[in-house]
């Protein structure tokens, strides 16, 4: 990344992050048994007794983290972030601070340590998601996003709930995660909502979480770890900013300054496994989301929601194969790349890595793409999928006046085949002089 494009320095180790560009998010917990959204406890206003059945029957007999890790690596993903605990409060590791954990389910084993080992064995960086919210903990005060928010006795119930005790629990679990599993590359918190209010019950922010003390502890335990921006602290305290289910169209800025950023997205409309959800993205959408992110200087964290048996379902596998097939031929237009210094023509996106400029073509044209102002700047061009030459013509003054009128002087014209290459998004690799 050129210095002119670099955001201000942060505490986390960003070198690998801005090189790798592409990661896997995994949302997995007891909500996979309900199979109708990871917020099912909230949406259906379930109390702990009604939700208990998912804990009672959690037994992912097909769980094979090595298979997950292989799928991620083959898809071209370079790092992973797993929900160690989502809002439901269920923990995927053998935490010393709760009984609401995987080792007390029929599965009976720690699910996190083999996960960490498997992904490291495939060469991926490892990140932990940890929910600041906990709908199971008895001291977590009921608020506007709690499943019991509309319970007639909610306000009265809160009188016996102590956020200080929950805050201690939160810090203890984060310390566990950053002590017992070796080097952790990313800590992905979710989320703060201090301005939310419901029936006089306020939301929660940095004071509730003890975010200042928490972040200090994190930096001491794991120097260089990347921490996201959801602790409700000043923007410059975060390493990465995390637009969710939103595709930025330019480099993300905070207070007018460029920041390191990563958009988190889903294959379909939910994060956890949702059996009947049908808004799965097309291959074109999947590849374009990755290209769009890198072309704006950011990363893509793409989510998979495994089933309650611990497997990726066929739809998720097919989506991962879309990335596998495309990245096998086009990964060098992603890894190590960032936003280009040049503006791309219509229906195209540029990524750039030094003297190599990558033109991603979203709408295949008839025979030609014109690049105004590029005459004399490109030494060689080829289709990236097969390294076949793309012929070029430069249009200068007094030559082919009709072309000059259309494209402008100093235009470089790429002569493309009539038939689109058999790849989801073709890429022309331009070697700059």
Protein backbone atom coordinates (compact mmCIF):
# COMPACT_ATOMS: atom_id res chain seq x y z
CA UNK A 1 0.00 0.00 0.00
CA UNK A 2 1.43 3.37 -0.99
CA UNK A 3 2.03 5.82 1.82
CA UNK A 4 -0.44 8.29 0.32
CA UNK A 5 -3.24 5.75 0.79
CA UNK A 6 -2.28 4.52 4.25
CA UNK A 7 -4.55 5.41 7.18
CA UNK A 8 -2.99 6.69 10.37
CA UNK A 9 -1.03 4.07 12.35
CA UNK A 10 -2.97 1.90 14.82
CA UNK A 11 -1.97 -0.47 17.60
CA UNK A 12 -2.82 -3.67 15.73
CA UNK A 13 -0.57 -5.46 13.26
CA UNK A 14 -2.15 -4.35 9.99
CA UNK A 15 0.51 -5.56 7.55
CA UNK A 16 -0.92 -9.05 7.10
CA UNK A 17 -4.49 -7.76 7.23
CA UNK A 18 -4.19 -5.37 4.30
CA UNK A 19 -2.31 -8.00 2.31
CA UNK A 20 -4.72 -10.90 2.84
CA UNK A 21 -7.95 -8.95 2.21
CA UNK A 22 -10.34 -11.93 2.47
CA UNK A 23 -11.56 -13.80 5.53
CA UNK A 24 -14.24 -16.21 6.73
CA UNK A 25 -16.75 -15.29 9.43
CA UNK A 26 -18.46 -18.22 11.19
CA UNK A 27 -21.63 -17.84 13.25
CA UNK A 28 -22.31 -21.05 15.13
CA UNK A 29 -24.18 -21.74 18.33
CA UNK A 30 -27.28 -23.43 19.70
CA UNK A 31 -29.45 -21.21 17.49
CA UNK A 32 -28.42 -23.54 14.65
CA UNK A 33 -30.94 -26.07 16.00
CA UNK A 34 -33.78 -23.56 15.67
CA UNK A 35 -32.48 -22.90 12.13
CA UNK A 36 -34.45 -19.68 11.82
CA UNK A 37 -31.98 -16.86 12.53
CA UNK A 38 -29.30 -16.37 15.17
CA UNK A 39 -31.55 -13.79 16.86
CA UNK A 40 -34.41 -16.29 17.25
CA UNK A 41 -34.42 -15.90 21.03
CA UNK A 42 -34.91 -12.16 20.59
CA UNK A 43 -37.35 -12.32 17.68
CA UNK A 44 -39.62 -14.82 19.38
CA UNK A 45 -39.15 -13.31 22.85
CA UNK A 46 -38.12 -16.63 24.38
CA UNK A 47 -37.18 -16.89 28.01
CA UNK A 48 -34.36 -19.17 29.16
CA UNK A 49 -36.72 -22.06 29.82
CA UNK A 50 -38.15 -22.00 26.30
CA UNK A 51 -34.68 -21.67 24.75
CA UNK A 52 -33.14 -24.43 26.86
CA UNK A 53 -34.12 -27.19 24.43
CA UNK A 54 -31.43 -26.07 21.98
CA UNK A 55 -28.77 -26.48 24.65
CA UNK A 56 -30.22 -29.83 25.72
CA UNK A 57 -30.00 -31.27 22.22
CA UNK A 58 -26.81 -29.63 20.91
CA UNK A 59 -24.76 -32.54 19.57
CA UNK A 60 -22.85 -31.64 16.38
CA UNK A 61 -21.71 -35.13 15.47
CA UNK A 62 -20.44 -34.02 12.03
CA UNK A 63 -18.29 -31.22 13.39
CA UNK A 64 -14.94 -31.40 11.60
CA UNK A 65 -13.01 -28.14 11.95
CA UNK A 66 -10.30 -29.46 9.64
CA UNK A 67 -12.90 -29.68 6.86
CA UNK A 68 -14.03 -26.11 7.60
CA UNK A 69 -10.43 -24.92 7.46
CA UNK A 70 -9.76 -26.69 4.16
CA UNK A 71 -12.88 -25.14 2.64
CA UNK A 72 -11.79 -21.67 3.78
CA UNK A 73 -8.26 -22.08 2.42
CA UNK A 74 -9.49 -23.45 -0.92
CA UNK A 75 -11.87 -20.48 -1.23
CA UNK A 76 -8.90 -18.15 -0.95
CA UNK A 77 -9.70 -16.94 2.55
CA UNK A 78 -6.66 -16.08 4.64
CA UNK A 79 -8.13 -15.59 8.10
CA UNK A 80 -11.16 -16.63 10.15
CA UNK A 81 -13.32 -15.11 12.88
CA UNK A 82 -15.50 -17.49 14.92
CA UNK A 83 -18.34 -16.64 17.31
CA UNK A 84 -16.95 -17.98 20.57
CA UNK A 85 -20.06 -16.56 22.25
CA UNK A 86 -22.99 -14.89 20.48
CA UNK A 87 -25.79 -12.86 22.07
CA UNK A 88 -27.49 -16.04 23.31
CA UNK A 89 -24.60 -16.42 25.80
CA UNK A 90 -23.63 -19.97 24.83
CA UNK A 91 -19.86 -20.59 24.90
CA UNK A 92 -18.02 -22.84 22.46
CA UNK A 93 -15.13 -23.42 24.88
CA UNK A 94 -14.83 -24.92 28.35
CA UNK A 95 -15.01 -21.61 30.19
CA UNK A 96 -14.36 -21.67 33.94
CA UNK A 97 -16.95 -18.91 34.46
CA UNK A 98 -20.18 -20.49 33.26
CA UNK A 99 -22.04 -23.77 32.98
CA UNK A 100 -23.69 -22.58 29.77
CA UNK A 101 -21.02 -24.06 27.53
CA UNK A 102 -20.44 -26.74 24.94
CA UNK A 103 -18.83 -29.20 27.36
CA UNK A 104 -22.15 -29.48 29.23
CA UNK A 105 -24.16 -30.35 26.11
CA UNK A 106 -24.52 -33.89 24.71
CA UNK A 107 -21.50 -33.08 22.52
CA UNK A 108 -19.46 -32.90 25.71
CA UNK A 109 -16.20 -31.56 24.26
CA UNK A 110 -14.48 -28.22 23.82
CA UNK A 111 -15.19 -27.05 20.26
CA UNK A 112 -12.82 -24.07 20.20
CA UNK A 113 -9.36 -25.57 20.71
CA UNK A 114 -9.65 -28.06 17.80
CA UNK A 115 -11.01 -25.21 15.68
CA UNK A 116 -7.98 -23.04 16.44
CA UNK A 117 -5.58 -25.90 15.75
CA UNK A 118 -7.29 -26.83 12.47
CA UNK A 119 -7.26 -23.33 11.00
CA UNK A 120 -3.69 -22.68 12.05
CA UNK A 121 -2.71 -25.96 10.39
CA UNK A 122 -4.13 -24.63 7.10
CA UNK A 123 -2.11 -21.44 7.45
CA UNK A 124 -5.00 -19.12 8.34
CA UNK A 125 -4.89 -16.35 10.91
CA UNK A 126 -7.34 -16.92 13.78
CA UNK A 127 -9.81 -14.41 15.18
CA UNK A 128 -12.42 -14.60 17.94
CA UNK A 129 -15.81 -12.93 17.90
CA UNK A 130 -17.14 -12.25 21.38
CA UNK A 131 -20.57 -10.81 22.07
CA UNK A 132 -20.65 -8.03 24.62
CA UNK A 133 -24.37 -8.83 24.89
CA UNK A 134 -25.55 -11.87 26.84
CA UNK A 135 -29.22 -12.84 26.95
CA UNK A 136 -28.56 -15.78 29.25
CA UNK A 137 -26.45 -14.26 32.03
CA UNK A 138 -28.59 -13.54 35.13
CA UNK A 139 -26.86 -10.19 35.79
CA UNK A 140 -27.18 -8.81 32.26
CA UNK A 141 -29.83 -6.07 32.59
CA UNK A 142 -32.89 -6.35 30.37
CA UNK A 143 -32.96 -3.64 27.70
CA UNK A 144 -34.54 -2.83 24.35
CA UNK A 145 -32.91 -5.72 22.46
CA UNK A 146 -33.27 -8.32 25.21
CA UNK A 147 -35.74 -11.18 24.61
CA UNK A 148 -37.59 -10.22 27.83
CA UNK A 149 -37.93 -6.54 26.92
CA UNK A 150 -41.73 -6.71 26.83
CA UNK A 151 -42.15 -8.92 29.89
CA UNK A 152 -44.57 -7.13 32.23
CA UNK A 153 -42.09 -7.44 35.11
CA UNK A 154 -38.96 -6.49 33.16
CA UNK A 155 -38.28 -3.27 35.06
CA UNK A 156 -38.77 -5.02 38.38
CA UNK A 157 -36.56 -7.94 37.29
CA UNK A 158 -33.73 -5.51 36.54
CA UNK A 159 -33.55 -4.49 40.19
CA UNK A 160 -31.79 -7.76 40.98
CA UNK A 161 -29.43 -7.61 37.99
CA UNK A 162 -25.95 -6.16 38.52
CA UNK A 163 -24.08 -4.93 35.43
CA UNK A 164 -20.90 -4.81 37.52
CA UNK A 165 -21.02 -8.57 38.03
CA UNK A 166 -21.65 -9.10 34.35
CA UNK A 167 -18.77 -6.76 33.47
CA UNK A 168 -16.44 -8.87 35.63
CA UNK A 169 -17.69 -11.99 33.84
CA UNK A 170 -17.07 -10.39 30.44
CA UNK A 171 -13.50 -9.41 31.33
CA UNK A 172 -12.75 -12.82 32.80
CA UNK A 173 -13.92 -14.59 29.65
CA UNK A 174 -11.95 -12.32 27.35
CA UNK A 175 -8.87 -12.98 29.47
CA UNK A 176 -9.52 -16.72 29.08
CA UNK A 177 -9.80 -16.44 25.31
CA UNK A 178 -6.58 -14.46 25.04
CA UNK A 179 -4.65 -16.68 27.45
CA UNK A 180 -5.64 -20.29 26.74
CA UNK A 181 -5.51 -20.51 22.93
CA UNK A 182 -2.14 -19.09 21.91
CA UNK A 183 -1.71 -16.14 19.58
CA UNK A 184 -5.02 -14.63 18.48
CA UNK A 185 -4.88 -12.27 15.51
CA UNK A 186 -8.26 -10.51 15.72
CA UNK A 187 -10.74 -9.80 18.51
CA UNK A 188 -14.12 -8.93 17.06
CA UNK A 189 -16.57 -7.46 19.61
CA UNK A 190 -20.30 -7.04 19.02
CA UNK A 191 -21.87 -4.55 19.88
CA UNK A 192 -22.64 -1.29 21.74
CA UNK A 193 -25.95 0.61 21.67
CA UNK A 194 -25.84 3.35 24.33
CA UNK A 195 -28.62 5.50 22.84
CA UNK A 196 -31.18 2.69 22.64
CA UNK A 197 -34.03 2.99 25.14
CA UNK A 198 -37.15 0.88 25.68
CA UNK A 199 -39.71 1.35 28.44
CA UNK A 200 -37.16 3.38 30.35
CA UNK A 201 -34.53 0.62 30.06
CA UNK A 202 -31.39 2.04 28.49
CA UNK A 203 -28.96 0.43 26.09
CA UNK A 204 -25.33 -0.27 26.87
CA UNK A 205 -21.98 1.30 26.02
CA UNK A 206 -18.38 1.65 27.09
CA UNK A 207 -19.10 2.27 30.78
CA UNK A 208 -21.18 -0.90 31.02
CA UNK A 209 -18.48 -3.00 29.34
CA UNK A 210 -15.57 -1.28 31.08
CA UNK A 211 -14.16 -0.78 27.60
CA UNK A 212 -11.13 1.30 28.59
CA UNK A 213 -9.87 -1.26 31.08
CA UNK A 214 -10.84 -4.12 28.76
CA UNK A 215 -8.86 -2.72 25.84
CA UNK A 216 -5.83 -2.10 28.06
CA UNK A 217 -5.92 -5.72 29.19
CA UNK A 218 -6.26 -6.95 25.60
CA UNK A 219 -3.23 -4.96 24.44
CA UNK A 220 -1.17 -6.31 27.35
CA UNK A 221 -2.15 -9.94 26.77
CA UNK A 222 -1.87 -9.94 22.98
CA UNK A 223 0.35 -7.16 21.59
CA UNK A 224 -0.40 -6.59 17.91
CA UNK A 225 -3.90 -8.07 18.03
CA UNK A 226 -6.43 -6.32 15.80
CA UNK A 227 -9.49 -5.01 17.68
CA UNK A 228 -12.63 -3.72 15.97
CA UNK A 229 -14.63 -0.58 16.61
CA UNK A 230 -17.65 -1.83 18.58
CA UNK A 231 -16.56 -1.09 22.16
CA UNK A 232 -18.09 2.42 22.04
CA UNK A 233 -14.70 4.09 22.41
CA UNK A 234 -13.32 7.03 20.38
CA UNK A 235 -12.77 6.05 16.74
CA UNK A 236 -8.99 6.28 16.96
CA UNK A 237 -8.90 3.56 19.64
CA UNK A 238 -10.05 0.92 17.13
CA UNK A 239 -7.81 -0.80 14.60
CA UNK A 240 -10.53 -1.64 12.07
CA UNK A 241 -13.97 -0.26 11.26
CA UNK A 242 -16.66 -2.73 10.36
CA UNK A 243 -19.55 -1.76 8.07
CA UNK A 244 -22.07 -4.62 8.29
CA UNK A 245 -24.26 -5.89 5.44
CA UNK A 246 -23.30 -2.73 3.58
CA UNK A 247 -21.00 -2.37 0.59
CA UNK A 248 -18.98 0.86 0.68
CA UNK A 249 -18.44 2.57 -2.67
CA UNK A 250 -15.38 4.50 -1.54
CA UNK A 251 -12.66 4.22 1.08
CA UNK A 252 -14.30 4.34 4.50
CA UNK A 253 -13.53 7.53 6.40
CA UNK A 254 -14.11 8.58 9.99
CA UNK A 255 -13.94 12.28 10.81
CA UNK A 256 -12.73 12.83 7.26
CA UNK A 257 -9.76 10.46 7.62
CA UNK A 258 -9.21 7.13 5.93
CA UNK A 259 -9.35 4.13 8.26
CA UNK A 260 -8.59 0.45 8.00
CA UNK A 261 -11.88 -1.27 7.29
CA UNK A 262 -13.56 -4.59 6.67
CA UNK A 263 -17.13 -5.19 5.57
CA UNK A 264 -18.82 -8.28 7.00
CA UNK A 265 -21.36 -9.92 4.72
CA UNK A 266 -23.47 -13.06 4.45
CA UNK A 267 -24.14 -15.59 1.71
CA UNK A 268 -27.85 -15.17 2.45
CA UNK A 269 -29.95 -12.95 4.71
CA UNK A 270 -28.85 -14.28 8.10
CA UNK A 271 -25.63 -15.04 9.96
CA UNK A 272 -26.57 -18.27 11.71
CA UNK A 273 -27.89 -21.33 9.89
CA UNK A 274 -31.39 -20.60 8.53
CA UNK A 275 -32.96 -23.59 6.84
CA UNK A 276 -35.76 -21.76 5.00
CA UNK A 277 -33.97 -18.51 4.09
CA UNK A 278 -33.80 -18.18 0.31
CA UNK A 279 -32.10 -14.87 -0.54
CA UNK A 280 -28.76 -16.47 -1.40
CA UNK A 281 -26.44 -14.29 -3.44
CA UNK A 282 -25.51 -15.12 -7.01
CA UNK A 283 -21.94 -15.96 -8.06
CA UNK A 284 -21.65 -12.53 -9.66
CA UNK A 285 -22.71 -10.80 -6.45
CA UNK A 286 -20.26 -12.83 -4.38
CA UNK A 287 -17.24 -11.99 -6.53
CA UNK A 288 -18.24 -8.38 -6.99
CA UNK A 289 -18.49 -7.88 -3.23
CA UNK A 290 -14.89 -9.01 -2.84
CA UNK A 291 -13.65 -6.90 -5.75
CA UNK A 292 -15.61 -3.84 -4.63
CA UNK A 293 -14.16 -4.08 -1.13
CA UNK A 294 -10.54 -4.28 -2.26
CA UNK A 295 -11.06 -1.59 -4.92
CA UNK A 296 -12.03 0.76 -2.07
CA UNK A 297 -9.07 -0.19 0.13
CA UNK A 298 -10.94 -2.62 2.39
CA UNK A 299 -11.35 -6.27 3.32
CA UNK A 300 -14.26 -8.70 2.99
CA UNK A 301 -15.26 -10.99 5.86
CA UNK A 302 -17.75 -13.46 4.36
CA UNK A 303 -19.94 -15.46 6.71
CA UNK A 304 -20.88 -19.13 6.89
CA UNK A 305 -23.52 -20.45 9.31
CA UNK A 306 -22.90 -24.17 9.94
CA UNK A 307 -25.77 -26.53 10.67
CA UNK A 308 -26.54 -27.93 14.12
CA UNK A 309 -24.75 -31.13 13.10
CA UNK A 310 -21.60 -29.09 12.57
CA UNK A 311 -21.38 -29.08 8.77
CA UNK A 312 -21.54 -26.47 6.05
CA UNK A 313 -24.77 -27.07 4.12
CA UNK A 314 -24.74 -27.55 0.34
CA UNK A 315 -25.69 -23.94 -0.41
CA UNK A 316 -22.75 -22.63 1.61
CA UNK A 317 -20.40 -25.14 -0.02
CA UNK A 318 -21.51 -24.01 -3.48
CA UNK A 319 -20.93 -20.37 -2.54
CA UNK A 320 -17.45 -21.18 -1.24
CA UNK A 321 -16.73 -23.02 -4.50
CA UNK A 322 -17.58 -19.84 -6.40
CA UNK A 323 -14.71 -18.15 -4.59
CA UNK A 324 -12.47 -21.20 -4.96
CA UNK A 325 -12.83 -21.32 -8.74
CA UNK A 326 -12.40 -17.57 -9.21
CA UNK A 327 -9.58 -17.06 -6.71
CA UNK A 328 -7.53 -19.92 -8.14
CA UNK A 329 -7.04 -17.81 -11.26
CA UNK A 330 -7.45 -14.26 -9.96
CA UNK A 331 -6.08 -14.10 -6.42
CA UNK A 332 -3.22 -11.83 -7.34
CA UNK A 333 -5.76 -9.13 -8.19
CA UNK A 334 -6.84 -9.36 -4.52
CA UNK A 335 -3.87 -10.26 -2.29
CA UNK A 336 -1.61 -7.31 -1.63
CA UNK A 337 -3.90 -5.01 -3.62
CA UNK A 338 -5.70 -1.87 -2.66
CA UNK A 339 -7.53 1.08 -4.17
CA UNK A 340 -5.91 2.29 -7.37
CA UNK A 341 -4.63 5.75 -8.10
CA UNK A 342 -6.64 5.55 -11.35
CA UNK A 343 -10.38 5.85 -11.97
CA UNK A 344 -11.93 2.79 -13.58
CA UNK A 345 -14.19 2.99 -16.64
CA UNK A 346 -17.92 2.26 -16.41
CA UNK A 347 -18.91 -1.24 -15.25
CA UNK A 348 -15.33 -1.94 -14.10
CA UNK A 349 -13.25 -1.77 -10.93
CA UNK A 350 -9.51 -1.27 -10.49
CA UNK A 351 -7.32 -2.84 -7.85
CA UNK A 352 -3.59 -2.18 -7.78
CA UNK A 353 -0.41 -3.68 -6.40
CA UNK A 354 2.55 -1.47 -7.26
CA UNK A 355 3.11 -1.49 -11.03
CA UNK A 356 0.40 -4.09 -11.61
CA UNK A 357 -3.07 -2.71 -12.25
CA UNK A 358 -6.06 -5.03 -12.36
CA UNK A 359 -9.15 -4.16 -14.40
CA UNK A 360 -12.16 -6.21 -13.19
CA UNK A 361 -14.85 -6.21 -15.86
CA UNK A 362 -18.39 -6.47 -14.45
CA UNK A 363 -20.17 -6.07 -17.82
CA UNK A 364 -18.40 -7.66 -20.78
CA UNK A 365 -18.19 -5.16 -23.67
CA UNK A 366 -18.12 -5.72 -27.41
CA UNK A 367 -14.46 -5.91 -28.44
CA UNK A 368 -13.03 -2.86 -26.68
CA UNK A 369 -12.54 -1.01 -23.41
CA UNK A 370 -11.21 2.54 -23.68
CA UNK A 371 -8.95 3.94 -20.97
CA UNK A 372 -8.62 7.73 -21.41
CA UNK A 373 -5.30 9.13 -20.26
CA UNK A 374 -3.55 5.74 -20.26
CA UNK A 375 -1.64 6.15 -23.52
CA UNK A 376 2.05 5.61 -22.87
CA UNK A 377 1.49 4.24 -19.36
CA UNK A 378 1.03 0.50 -19.97
CA UNK A 379 3.81 -1.80 -21.10
CA UNK A 380 1.79 -5.02 -21.51
CA UNK A 381 -1.72 -6.37 -20.92
CA UNK A 382 -3.15 -9.85 -20.51
CA UNK A 383 -6.25 -11.65 -19.34
CA UNK A 384 -5.43 -12.88 -15.86
CA UNK A 385 -7.35 -16.16 -16.08
CA UNK A 386 -5.06 -17.63 -18.78
CA UNK A 387 -2.27 -15.05 -19.28
CA UNK A 388 -3.35 -14.53 -22.88
CA UNK A 389 -2.24 -11.25 -24.43
CA UNK A 390 -4.67 -8.39 -24.76
CA UNK A 391 -3.70 -6.21 -27.71
CA UNK A 392 -3.59 -2.47 -27.13
CA UNK A 393 -3.93 0.60 -29.31
CA UNK A 394 -3.07 4.16 -28.38
CA UNK A 395 -5.01 7.06 -29.82
CA UNK A 396 -3.03 10.29 -30.20
CA UNK A 397 -3.78 13.66 -31.75
CA UNK A 398 -4.50 13.78 -35.52
CA UNK A 399 -4.91 10.00 -35.71
CA UNK A 400 -8.35 8.50 -36.43
CA UNK A 401 -10.28 11.66 -35.70
CA UNK A 402 -13.52 9.76 -35.22
CA UNK A 403 -11.94 7.72 -32.41
CA UNK A 404 -10.45 10.83 -30.81
CA UNK A 405 -13.90 12.36 -30.75
CA UNK A 406 -15.29 9.33 -28.96
CA UNK A 407 -12.54 8.49 -26.50
CA UNK A 408 -10.30 11.53 -26.25
CA UNK A 409 -6.60 11.97 -26.95
CA UNK A 410 -4.16 9.86 -25.03
CA UNK A 411 -6.59 6.97 -24.81
CA UNK A 412 -5.47 3.37 -24.52
CA UNK A 413 -7.89 0.89 -26.12
CA UNK A 414 -7.86 -2.73 -24.99
CA UNK A 415 -8.91 -5.11 -27.77
CA UNK A 416 -10.92 -7.86 -26.10
CA UNK A 417 -12.30 -11.09 -27.51
CA UNK A 418 -15.95 -11.04 -28.53
CA UNK A 419 -16.74 -13.95 -26.22
CA UNK A 420 -16.43 -13.40 -22.49
CA UNK A 421 -13.92 -15.71 -20.79
CA UNK A 422 -15.56 -18.52 -18.84
CA UNK A 423 -15.02 -16.90 -15.44
CA UNK A 424 -17.47 -15.05 -13.23
CA UNK A 425 -15.65 -11.72 -13.41
CA UNK A 426 -12.86 -11.44 -16.01
CA UNK A 427 -9.75 -9.47 -15.10
CA UNK A 428 -7.22 -7.73 -17.35
CA UNK A 429 -3.76 -7.42 -15.81
CA UNK A 430 -2.01 -4.24 -16.88
CA UNK A 431 1.74 -3.92 -16.37
CA UNK A 432 2.48 -0.22 -15.88
CA UNK A 433 5.65 1.36 -17.20
